[in-house]
Amino acid sequence: MPKLKTHKGAKSRFHITGSGKIMRVKGGKSHFRRRKSKQVRRLFDDTIPLSPADRVR
């Protein structure tokens, strides 16, 4: 059976931590970024773990 190719969209959106958690970036990070407050911009810079419901995909 041939090897499966990596899905390029998923490759750029997710990364796996050392403990095995799948991390994602919050949506809306760069749309109208200049008008958002510094506090909101700082919150968007964090990555958050993927929910268990989405992990199945």
C-alpha atoms as a PDB file:
ATOM      1  CA  MET A   1       0.000   0.000   0.000  1.00  0.00           C
ATOM      2  CA  PRO A   2       1.464   3.421  -0.931  1.00  0.00           C
ATOM      3  CA  LYS A   3       2.299   6.064   1.637  1.00  0.00           C
ATOM      4  CA  LEU A   4      -0.342   8.738   2.268  1.00  0.00           C
ATOM      5  CA  LYS A   5       0.594  12.305   1.459  1.00  0.00           C
ATOM      6  CA  THR A   6       0.299  14.948   4.170  1.00  0.00           C
ATOM      7  CA  HIS A   7      -2.708  17.250   3.778  1.00  0.00           C
ATOM      8  CA  LYS A   8      -0.995  20.581   3.068  1.00  0.00           C
ATOM      9  CA  GLY A   9      -3.818  22.696   4.565  1.00  0.00           C
ATOM     10  CA  ALA A  10      -3.646  20.801   7.848  1.00  0.00           C
ATOM     11  CA  LYS A  11       0.154  20.908   7.822  1.00  0.00           C
ATOM     12  CA  SER A  12       0.160  24.719   7.937  1.00  0.00           C
ATOM     13  CA  ARG A  13      -2.688  25.072  10.462  1.00  0.00           C
ATOM     14  CA  PHE A  14      -1.811  22.575  13.194  1.00  0.00           C
ATOM     15  CA  HIS A  15       1.235  21.423  15.112  1.00  0.00           C
ATOM     16  CA  ILE A  16       1.745  18.663  17.657  1.00  0.00           C
ATOM     17  CA  THR A  17       3.341  19.339  21.039  1.00  0.00           C
ATOM     18  CA  GLY A  18       5.830  17.084  22.761  1.00  0.00           C
ATOM     19  CA  SER A  19       3.059  15.601  24.918  1.00  0.00           C
ATOM     20  CA  GLY A  20       0.954  14.809  21.824  1.00  0.00           C
ATOM     21  CA  LYS A  21      -1.622  17.607  21.963  1.00  0.00           C
ATOM     22  CA  ILE A  22      -2.732  19.097  18.636  1.00  0.00           C
ATOM     23  CA  MET A  23      -2.535  22.899  18.753  1.00  0.00           C
ATOM     24  CA  ARG A  24      -4.301  25.386  16.481  1.00  0.00           C
ATOM     25  CA  VAL A  25      -4.279  29.165  15.934  1.00  0.00           C
ATOM     26  CA  LYS A  26      -7.345  31.254  16.755  1.00  0.00           C
ATOM     27  CA  GLY A  27      -9.397  32.493  13.802  1.00  0.00           C
ATOM     28  CA  GLY A  28      -9.667  36.171  12.832  1.00  0.00           C
ATOM     29  CA  LYS A  29      -6.074  36.886  13.814  1.00  0.00           C
ATOM     30  CA  SER A  30      -5.111  39.225  10.985  1.00  0.00           C
ATOM     31  CA  HIS A  31      -8.437  40.582   9.676  1.00  0.00           C
ATOM     32  CA  PHE A  32      -8.667  44.294  10.658  1.00  0.00           C
ATOM     33  CA  ARG A  33      -5.759  43.762  13.035  1.00  0.00           C
ATOM     34  CA  ARG A  34      -4.784  47.446  13.173  1.00  0.00           C
ATOM     35  CA  ARG A  35      -8.097  48.554  14.648  1.00  0.00           C
ATOM     36  CA  LYS A  36      -8.089  45.902  17.389  1.00  0.00           C
ATOM     37  CA  SER A  37      -6.754  46.757  20.822  1.00  0.00           C
ATOM     38  CA  LYS A  38      -3.309  45.601  21.884  1.00  0.00           C
ATOM     39  CA  GLN A  39      -4.858  43.298  24.457  1.00  0.00           C
ATOM     40  CA  VAL A  40      -6.988  41.558  21.812  1.00  0.00           C
ATOM     41  CA  ARG A  41      -4.033  41.295  19.425  1.00  0.00           C
ATOM     42  CA  ARG A  42      -1.958  39.718  22.165  1.00  0.00           C
ATOM     43  CA  LEU A  43      -4.711  37.165  22.880  1.00  0.00           C
ATOM     44  CA  PHE A  44      -4.798  36.150  19.203  1.00  0.00           C
ATOM     45  CA  ASP A  45      -1.075  35.300  19.265  1.00  0.00           C
ATOM     46  CA  ASP A  46      -1.664  32.270  21.517  1.00  0.00           C
ATOM     47  CA  THR A  47      -2.225  28.783  20.175  1.00  0.00           C
ATOM     48  CA  ILE A  48      -4.949  26.706  21.806  1.00  0.00           C
ATOM     49  CA  PRO A  49      -5.508  22.948  21.916  1.00  0.00           C
ATOM     50  CA  LEU A  50      -7.831  21.412  19.365  1.00  0.00           C
ATOM     51  CA  SER A  51     -11.176  20.287  20.808  1.00  0.00           C
ATOM     52  CA  PRO A  52     -11.761  16.528  21.140  1.00  0.00           C
ATOM     53  CA  ALA A  53     -14.691  16.718  18.695  1.00  0.00           C
ATOM     54  CA  ASP A  54     -12.434  18.118  15.956  1.00  0.00           C
ATOM     55  CA  ARG A  55      -9.558  15.761  16.741  1.00  0.00           C
ATOM     56  CA  VAL A  56     -11.402  12.876  15.059  1.00  0.00           C
ATOM     57  CA  ARG A  57     -11.218  14.680  11.717  1.00  0.00           C
END
